[in-house]
Amino acid sequence: MSFQNAKKVVKTFYSALDTANINEVSGVMDLFHESDARWRGYHPFNEIRDPDQVAERFWVPLKSSLTSLQHRLDIFFAGDNVYPDTGGVWVATMGHLIGLFDKPWLGIPPTGKMAFLRFSAFHRVEGDKIVDTAMYFDIPHLMMQAGLQPFPPQTGAHFVQPGPDSHNGLIFEDRPPHEGQETLAAIDRMVKDLGQWNSGLPLEEELARTWHKDMLWWGPAGIGSTYTIERYAKQHAGPFRGSFKERSKTNHICRIGEGQYGGFFGWPNFTAIPKGGFMGMPASERPGEFRVIDMYRRDGDKLKENWVFIDLLHFWKQQGVDILERTTGIVSHAH
C-alpha cells in the first residue's frame, strides 16, 4: 500500500470526525475502521476492540465537552513498520485537539475557554480502513489548563507546545526513501545508546552522540519540556534515570520514518521500579509500565526535537495512586 493512500484515509477520517455532530460520530468510526479494529488509548480508556465503543466512550463525551473540536496537526507522516509481526503501512500524527471547554470531561471542570488536548496517534491502514490505532493524549495537560494540579511542580517548563521549529512536519507529498531511512537510523542509534541506561559514558557525552547540542525535548505534563543537552540531562534524563531500578528491555510495536520525521510506540515500551523521587512520589517495589509515544525530528545525522507522550495516569494507577480521582474527586467510569 502506498504511503499517500494510507495518509489520505487518515486525513479524510480526521476531517469527517471534526465535522461530525454527536449523532454522527459512531457512523464515522464505522466508515473508516474494520469492525474489529484495535484502539489503544490513554488511561482510563486503555484498549478497546470495537469502533462503536471508541465512539461511545471517548469521542462522543470529548466532543460534547470540548465543543467545536478540531484536529490541529503539527506532524503527519507514514512509513513501513520495521517490525514484521505488526507490519504494514502506518500513519503517524501529532498535534492538539482544540476546542471550547464547555462541559466537564472525566471530572475535569470546564473553563468556557479555548483548550488544547495534546495528542499523538499511530494508525495502521489496510485498503481504505484503519485496523489498528495507538492514540495517547495528555489528560494531565488539560487538567492543568483547567486550574488543577495533578502532580507536584515539574522539573521542566509547562505550556501548550509548538510544532517543529522547521515548520515542515506535515508530509503530504512523497519524500525520497533514503531520508526516512536516515531518520530511522538516527533513532536506532539513540535507542541503542540510551534505551538501556548502560552506555558507560557520562550522561551529557552519551546524549551528544545522537542529539544536537541545542536539542528540544517536549515532555508530558508533570515532567515538562527542556532545551539543550545540558538542561535536558539536568531537568529530565538524569533525575528520571536516578528514580528507577530494574528497567526492562525496550519493546516497540511500531517504528516508522519518513523524511526528517520518525517515531515509535509501545504497549508498554518498558517497565521499571520506582526508587523514590520521581514526580515527588515515594519508592515502591511494584514494576510500573511506561506506555510511550515518541516523535522525532532529525537534522543532519542527529536528532533535534523530540515530542514525548507518556501515560502517567496508567503508570501511577499501577502504583496504587489514581491521579484522576485524587485530583477531581470523581471516579471515572471509562474502562
Protein backbone atom coordinates (compact mmCIF):
# COMPACT_ATOMS: atom_id res chain seq x y z
CA MET A 1 0.00 0.00 0.00
CA SER A 2 1.32 3.48 -0.87
CA PHE A 3 2.05 5.94 1.90
CA GLN A 4 -0.08 8.57 0.18
CA ASN A 5 -3.15 6.32 0.01
CA ALA A 6 -2.81 5.48 3.70
CA LYS A 7 -2.42 9.15 4.57
CA LYS A 8 -5.49 10.03 2.55
CA VAL A 9 -7.57 7.58 4.62
CA VAL A 10 -6.38 9.10 7.91
CA LYS A 11 -6.67 12.70 6.71
CA THR A 12 -10.22 12.10 5.46
CA PHE A 13 -11.12 10.34 8.71
CA TYR A 14 -9.91 13.30 10.80
CA SER A 15 -11.88 15.75 8.64
CA ALA A 16 -15.04 13.63 8.93
CA LEU A 17 -14.61 13.38 12.69
CA ASP A 18 -14.09 17.14 13.05
CA THR A 19 -17.26 17.98 11.11
CA ALA A 20 -19.47 15.19 12.55
CA ASN A 21 -22.12 16.08 15.08
CA ILE A 22 -22.53 13.91 18.18
CA ASN A 23 -25.03 11.60 16.50
CA GLU A 24 -22.75 11.01 13.52
CA VAL A 25 -19.57 10.02 15.35
CA SER A 26 -20.32 6.30 15.53
CA GLY A 27 -21.06 6.20 11.80
CA VAL A 28 -17.77 7.94 11.04
CA MET A 29 -15.89 5.40 13.17
CA ASP A 30 -17.63 2.51 11.36
CA LEU A 31 -16.94 4.01 7.93
CA PHE A 32 -13.19 4.31 8.45
CA HIS A 33 -12.46 1.25 10.62
CA GLU A 34 -12.69 -2.51 10.35
CA SER A 35 -15.31 -3.85 12.74
CA ASP A 36 -12.69 -5.49 14.98
CA ALA A 37 -10.15 -2.64 14.79
CA ARG A 38 -7.95 -2.32 17.83
CA TRP A 39 -7.65 1.03 19.65
CA ARG A 40 -5.13 1.64 22.41
CA GLY A 41 -5.77 4.81 24.40
CA TYR A 42 -4.53 6.69 27.43
CA HIS A 43 -5.87 5.69 30.86
CA PRO A 44 -8.75 5.45 31.79
CA PHE A 45 -9.73 4.26 28.29
CA ASN A 46 -6.98 1.68 27.67
CA GLU A 47 -7.65 -0.92 24.96
CA ILE A 48 -10.95 -1.06 23.06
CA ARG A 49 -11.67 -3.55 20.25
CA ASP A 50 -14.88 -2.04 18.85
CA PRO A 51 -15.01 1.27 16.89
CA ASP A 52 -18.56 1.92 18.16
CA GLN A 53 -17.29 1.64 21.74
CA VAL A 54 -14.42 4.05 20.95
CA ALA A 55 -17.05 6.49 19.72
CA GLU A 56 -19.30 5.99 22.74
CA ARG A 57 -16.63 6.03 25.45
CA PHE A 58 -14.11 8.50 24.06
CA TRP A 59 -15.10 10.65 21.07
CA VAL A 60 -18.73 11.47 21.95
CA PRO A 61 -18.00 12.56 25.55
CA LEU A 62 -14.93 14.50 24.41
CA LYS A 63 -16.77 16.28 21.57
CA SER A 64 -19.62 17.03 23.97
CA SER A 65 -17.18 18.68 26.40
CA LEU A 66 -14.72 20.34 24.00
CA THR A 67 -17.20 21.87 21.60
CA SER A 68 -16.20 22.78 18.02
CA LEU A 69 -13.46 20.15 18.38
CA GLN A 70 -10.81 20.15 15.64
CA HIS A 71 -7.57 18.32 14.94
CA ARG A 72 -4.76 20.87 14.73
CA LEU A 73 -1.84 18.90 13.29
CA ASP A 74 1.87 19.65 13.58
CA ILE A 75 3.28 16.32 12.35
CA PHE A 76 1.85 13.94 9.74
CA PHE A 77 3.84 11.18 8.02
CA ALA A 78 3.72 7.50 7.08
CA GLY A 79 6.06 4.54 6.82
CA ASP A 80 6.51 0.80 6.63
CA ASN A 81 6.73 -0.63 10.14
CA VAL A 82 10.19 -2.05 10.85
CA TYR A 83 8.59 -4.84 12.93
CA PRO A 84 7.15 -7.57 10.67
CA ASP A 85 4.67 -9.04 13.17
CA THR A 86 2.81 -5.71 13.32
CA GLY A 87 3.97 -4.72 9.85
CA GLY A 88 2.36 -2.82 7.04
CA VAL A 89 1.91 0.87 6.45
CA TRP A 90 1.27 3.06 9.48
CA VAL A 91 0.39 6.76 9.53
CA ALA A 92 1.68 8.86 12.44
CA THR A 93 0.09 12.14 13.51
CA MET A 94 0.74 14.64 16.27
CA GLY A 95 -0.68 17.95 17.39
CA HIS A 96 -3.58 19.13 19.52
CA LEU A 97 -7.29 18.58 19.70
CA ILE A 98 -8.54 22.12 20.10
CA GLY A 99 -11.99 23.09 21.32
CA LEU A 100 -14.01 25.22 23.71
CA PHE A 101 -14.05 23.56 27.13
CA ASP A 102 -17.79 23.90 27.79
CA LYS A 103 -18.72 20.83 29.85
CA PRO A 104 -16.85 18.61 32.35
CA TRP A 105 -14.83 15.70 30.96
CA LEU A 106 -13.57 12.90 33.25
CA GLY A 107 -14.40 15.15 36.19
CA ILE A 108 -12.21 17.98 34.88
CA PRO A 109 -14.13 21.26 35.30
CA PRO A 110 -14.86 23.28 32.15
CA THR A 111 -13.38 26.73 31.66
CA GLY A 112 -15.59 28.02 28.85
CA LYS A 113 -12.33 28.96 27.14
CA MET A 114 -10.20 27.51 24.40
CA ALA A 115 -8.40 24.32 25.45
CA PHE A 116 -5.68 22.23 23.82
CA LEU A 117 -5.50 18.48 24.36
CA ARG A 118 -2.09 17.41 23.05
CA PHE A 119 -2.16 14.04 21.31
CA SER A 120 -0.25 11.70 19.09
CA ALA A 121 -1.62 8.73 17.16
CA PHE A 122 -0.38 5.86 15.02
CA HIS A 123 -2.86 4.22 12.60
CA ARG A 124 -2.25 1.04 10.61
CA VAL A 125 -4.17 1.22 7.34
CA GLU A 126 -5.19 -1.70 5.11
CA GLY A 127 -7.07 -0.82 1.95
CA ASP A 128 -9.40 2.04 2.86
CA LYS A 129 -9.78 1.05 6.52
CA ILE A 130 -7.92 1.66 9.76
CA VAL A 131 -7.27 -1.67 11.52
CA ASP A 132 -5.08 -0.66 14.46
CA THR A 133 -4.60 2.60 16.40
CA ALA A 134 -2.50 3.81 19.30
CA MET A 135 -3.63 7.25 20.47
CA TYR A 136 -2.09 8.86 23.53
CA PHE A 137 -3.48 12.19 24.76
CA ASP A 138 -2.10 14.23 27.63
CA ILE A 139 -5.03 14.39 30.09
CA PRO A 140 -2.91 15.99 32.88
CA HIS A 141 -2.07 18.80 30.43
CA LEU A 142 -5.78 19.53 30.06
CA MET A 143 -6.24 19.32 33.83
CA MET A 144 -3.56 21.97 34.32
CA GLN A 145 -5.27 24.26 31.79
CA ALA A 146 -8.42 23.95 33.93
CA GLY A 147 -6.53 25.10 37.03
CA LEU A 148 -6.00 21.66 38.60
CA GLN A 149 -2.62 20.42 39.84
CA PRO A 150 -2.48 16.66 39.31
CA PHE A 151 1.25 16.46 40.07
CA PRO A 152 3.87 18.25 42.18
CA PRO A 153 5.91 21.02 40.48
CA GLN A 154 7.71 19.57 37.48
CA THR A 155 11.37 19.79 36.52
CA GLY A 156 10.72 21.17 33.02
CA ALA A 157 8.59 24.02 31.66
CA HIS A 158 4.83 23.72 31.10
CA PHE A 159 2.93 25.33 28.22
CA VAL A 160 0.98 24.50 25.07
CA GLN A 161 3.70 23.02 22.92
CA PRO A 162 4.59 24.27 19.45
CA GLY A 163 5.19 22.05 16.47
CA PRO A 164 8.54 21.59 14.72
CA ASP A 165 10.90 24.55 14.62
CA SER A 166 11.40 23.85 10.90
CA HIS A 167 7.64 24.06 10.19
CA ASN A 168 7.80 21.14 7.76
CA GLY A 169 6.20 18.36 9.80
CA LEU A 170 3.15 17.82 7.58
CA ILE A 171 4.39 15.47 4.86
CA PHE A 172 1.62 15.36 2.27
CA GLU A 173 3.89 14.54 -0.68
CA ASP A 174 6.40 11.77 -1.30
CA ARG A 175 9.86 12.11 0.18
CA PRO A 176 12.95 10.27 -1.10
CA PRO A 177 13.04 6.89 0.73
CA HIS A 178 16.64 7.42 1.87
CA GLU A 179 15.54 10.39 4.03
CA GLY A 180 13.21 8.24 6.11
CA GLN A 181 15.87 5.55 6.35
CA GLU A 182 18.37 8.11 7.66
CA THR A 183 15.84 9.23 10.28
CA LEU A 184 15.22 5.64 11.38
CA ALA A 185 18.98 5.06 11.58
CA ALA A 186 19.39 8.11 13.83
CA ILE A 187 16.55 6.90 16.07
CA ASP A 188 18.05 3.39 16.17
CA ARG A 189 21.43 4.77 17.26
CA MET A 190 19.77 6.78 20.02
CA VAL A 191 17.72 3.82 21.27
CA LYS A 192 20.80 1.58 21.34
CA ASP A 193 22.72 4.24 23.30
CA LEU A 194 20.02 5.41 25.64
CA GLY A 195 17.45 2.67 25.77
CA GLN A 196 19.07 0.57 28.47
CA TRP A 197 20.80 3.30 30.56
CA ASN A 198 24.13 1.49 30.47
CA SER A 199 26.41 3.11 27.87
CA GLY A 200 29.18 3.66 30.43
CA LEU A 201 29.64 7.29 29.33
CA PRO A 202 28.85 10.42 31.35
CA LEU A 203 25.24 11.33 30.55
CA GLU A 204 25.91 14.51 28.56
CA GLU A 205 28.59 12.77 26.47
CA GLU A 206 26.23 9.88 25.82
CA LEU A 207 23.49 12.25 24.69
CA ALA A 208 25.85 14.21 22.43
CA ARG A 209 26.48 11.10 20.34
CA THR A 210 22.93 11.17 18.92
CA TRP A 211 21.43 14.57 19.84
CA HIS A 212 22.17 18.13 18.74
CA LYS A 213 23.65 20.29 21.47
CA ASP A 214 20.60 22.61 21.30
CA MET A 215 18.06 19.78 21.28
CA LEU A 216 14.43 20.48 22.16
CA TRP A 217 12.64 17.93 24.34
CA TRP A 218 8.88 18.36 24.66
CA GLY A 219 7.76 16.16 27.57
CA PRO A 220 4.35 15.37 29.06
CA ALA A 221 2.62 17.49 31.68
CA GLY A 222 4.02 16.55 35.07
CA ILE A 223 7.55 16.39 33.64
CA GLY A 224 7.62 19.33 31.24
CA SER A 225 9.86 20.49 28.43
CA THR A 226 13.53 21.36 28.28
CA TYR A 227 16.13 22.80 25.89
CA THR A 228 19.81 21.91 25.23
CA ILE A 229 21.59 18.70 26.19
CA GLU A 230 22.87 20.27 29.40
CA ARG A 231 19.41 21.23 30.67
CA TYR A 232 17.75 18.04 29.39
CA ALA A 233 20.29 15.99 31.35
CA LYS A 234 19.74 18.13 34.45
CA GLN A 235 15.97 18.62 34.23
CA HIS A 236 14.80 15.24 32.99
CA ALA A 237 17.16 12.45 31.89
CA GLY A 238 19.35 12.50 34.99
CA PRO A 239 16.53 12.69 37.58
CA PHE A 240 14.48 10.14 35.64
CA ARG A 241 17.25 7.55 35.50
CA GLY A 242 18.09 8.17 39.14
CA SER A 243 14.49 7.49 40.18
CA PHE A 244 14.19 3.92 38.85
CA LYS A 245 15.74 0.49 39.05
CA GLU A 246 15.34 -2.78 37.16
CA ARG A 247 14.39 -1.19 33.87
CA SER A 248 13.24 -3.82 31.37
CA LYS A 249 14.37 -4.07 27.76
CA THR A 250 12.69 -1.65 25.36
CA ASN A 251 9.80 -3.05 23.32
CA HIS A 252 8.12 -1.24 20.45
CA ILE A 253 5.05 -2.25 18.42
CA CYS A 254 5.62 0.22 15.61
CA ARG A 255 8.59 2.29 14.45
CA ILE A 256 8.41 4.28 11.21
CA GLY A 257 10.13 7.19 9.49
CA GLU A 258 9.53 9.46 6.51
CA GLY A 259 11.57 12.47 5.53
CA GLN A 260 13.12 14.08 8.63
CA TYR A 261 10.42 12.64 10.92
CA GLY A 262 10.11 9.36 12.73
CA GLY A 263 8.52 7.83 15.77
CA PHE A 264 7.51 4.76 17.72
CA PHE A 265 5.16 3.46 20.38
CA GLY A 266 4.98 0.52 22.76
CA TRP A 267 2.29 -1.06 24.96
CA PRO A 268 4.22 -0.78 27.22
CA ASN A 269 7.63 0.36 25.96
CA PHE A 270 9.33 -0.76 29.17
CA THR A 271 8.77 -1.36 32.88
CA ALA A 272 10.77 -0.06 35.83
CA ILE A 273 10.51 0.06 39.62
CA PRO A 274 10.45 3.49 41.33
CA LYS A 275 13.32 4.05 43.77
CA GLY A 276 11.63 7.22 45.03
CA GLY A 277 11.67 10.85 43.97
CA PHE A 278 10.06 10.55 40.54
CA MET A 279 7.40 13.29 40.34
CA GLY A 280 7.63 13.70 44.12
CA MET A 281 6.37 10.18 44.79
CA PRO A 282 7.79 7.59 47.23
CA ALA A 283 9.64 4.40 46.33
CA SER A 284 7.78 1.15 45.73
CA GLU A 285 8.58 -2.42 44.82
CA ARG A 286 5.93 -2.50 42.11
CA PRO A 287 7.09 -2.51 38.48
CA GLY A 288 5.29 0.22 36.55
CA GLU A 289 4.51 0.17 32.85
CA PHE A 290 5.57 3.08 30.66
CA ARG A 291 3.28 3.39 27.65
CA VAL A 292 5.04 5.92 25.45
CA ILE A 293 4.77 7.55 22.04
CA ASP A 294 7.90 9.34 20.85
CA MET A 295 8.04 11.64 17.82
CA TYR A 296 11.36 12.89 16.43
CA ARG A 297 12.74 15.43 14.00
CA ARG A 298 16.17 14.71 12.54
CA ASP A 299 18.54 17.46 11.46
CA GLY A 300 21.56 16.08 9.59
CA ASP A 301 22.75 12.89 11.28
CA LYS A 302 21.43 13.76 14.75
CA LEU A 303 18.07 14.25 16.44
CA LYS A 304 16.98 17.83 17.04
CA GLU A 305 13.45 17.66 18.50
CA ASN A 306 11.51 15.03 20.45
CA TRP A 307 7.85 15.11 21.49
CA VAL A 308 7.05 12.60 24.22
CA PHE A 309 3.69 11.21 25.35
CA ILE A 310 3.70 9.05 28.50
CA ASP A 311 0.55 7.60 30.02
CA LEU A 312 1.37 8.83 33.52
CA LEU A 313 -2.17 8.15 34.74
CA HIS A 314 -1.70 4.45 33.90
CA PHE A 315 1.77 4.37 35.46
CA TRP A 316 0.61 5.86 38.77
CA LYS A 317 -2.56 3.78 38.82
CA GLN A 318 -0.26 0.73 38.82
CA GLN A 319 1.50 2.23 41.82
CA GLY A 320 -1.83 2.48 43.65
CA VAL A 321 -2.41 6.19 43.02
CA ASP A 322 -5.47 7.20 40.98
CA ILE A 323 -4.43 10.69 39.85
CA LEU A 324 -7.78 11.40 38.18
CA GLU A 325 -9.80 10.50 41.26
CA ARG A 326 -7.38 12.23 43.62
CA THR A 327 -7.42 15.46 41.62
CA THR A 328 -11.07 15.69 40.57
CA GLY A 329 -12.75 13.72 43.36
CA ILE A 330 -14.65 11.76 40.71
CA VAL A 331 -14.21 8.06 39.97
CA SER A 332 -14.10 7.60 36.21
CA HIS A 333 -16.42 5.04 34.67
CA ALA A 334 -14.37 4.64 31.48
CA HIS A 335 -12.82 1.19 31.09
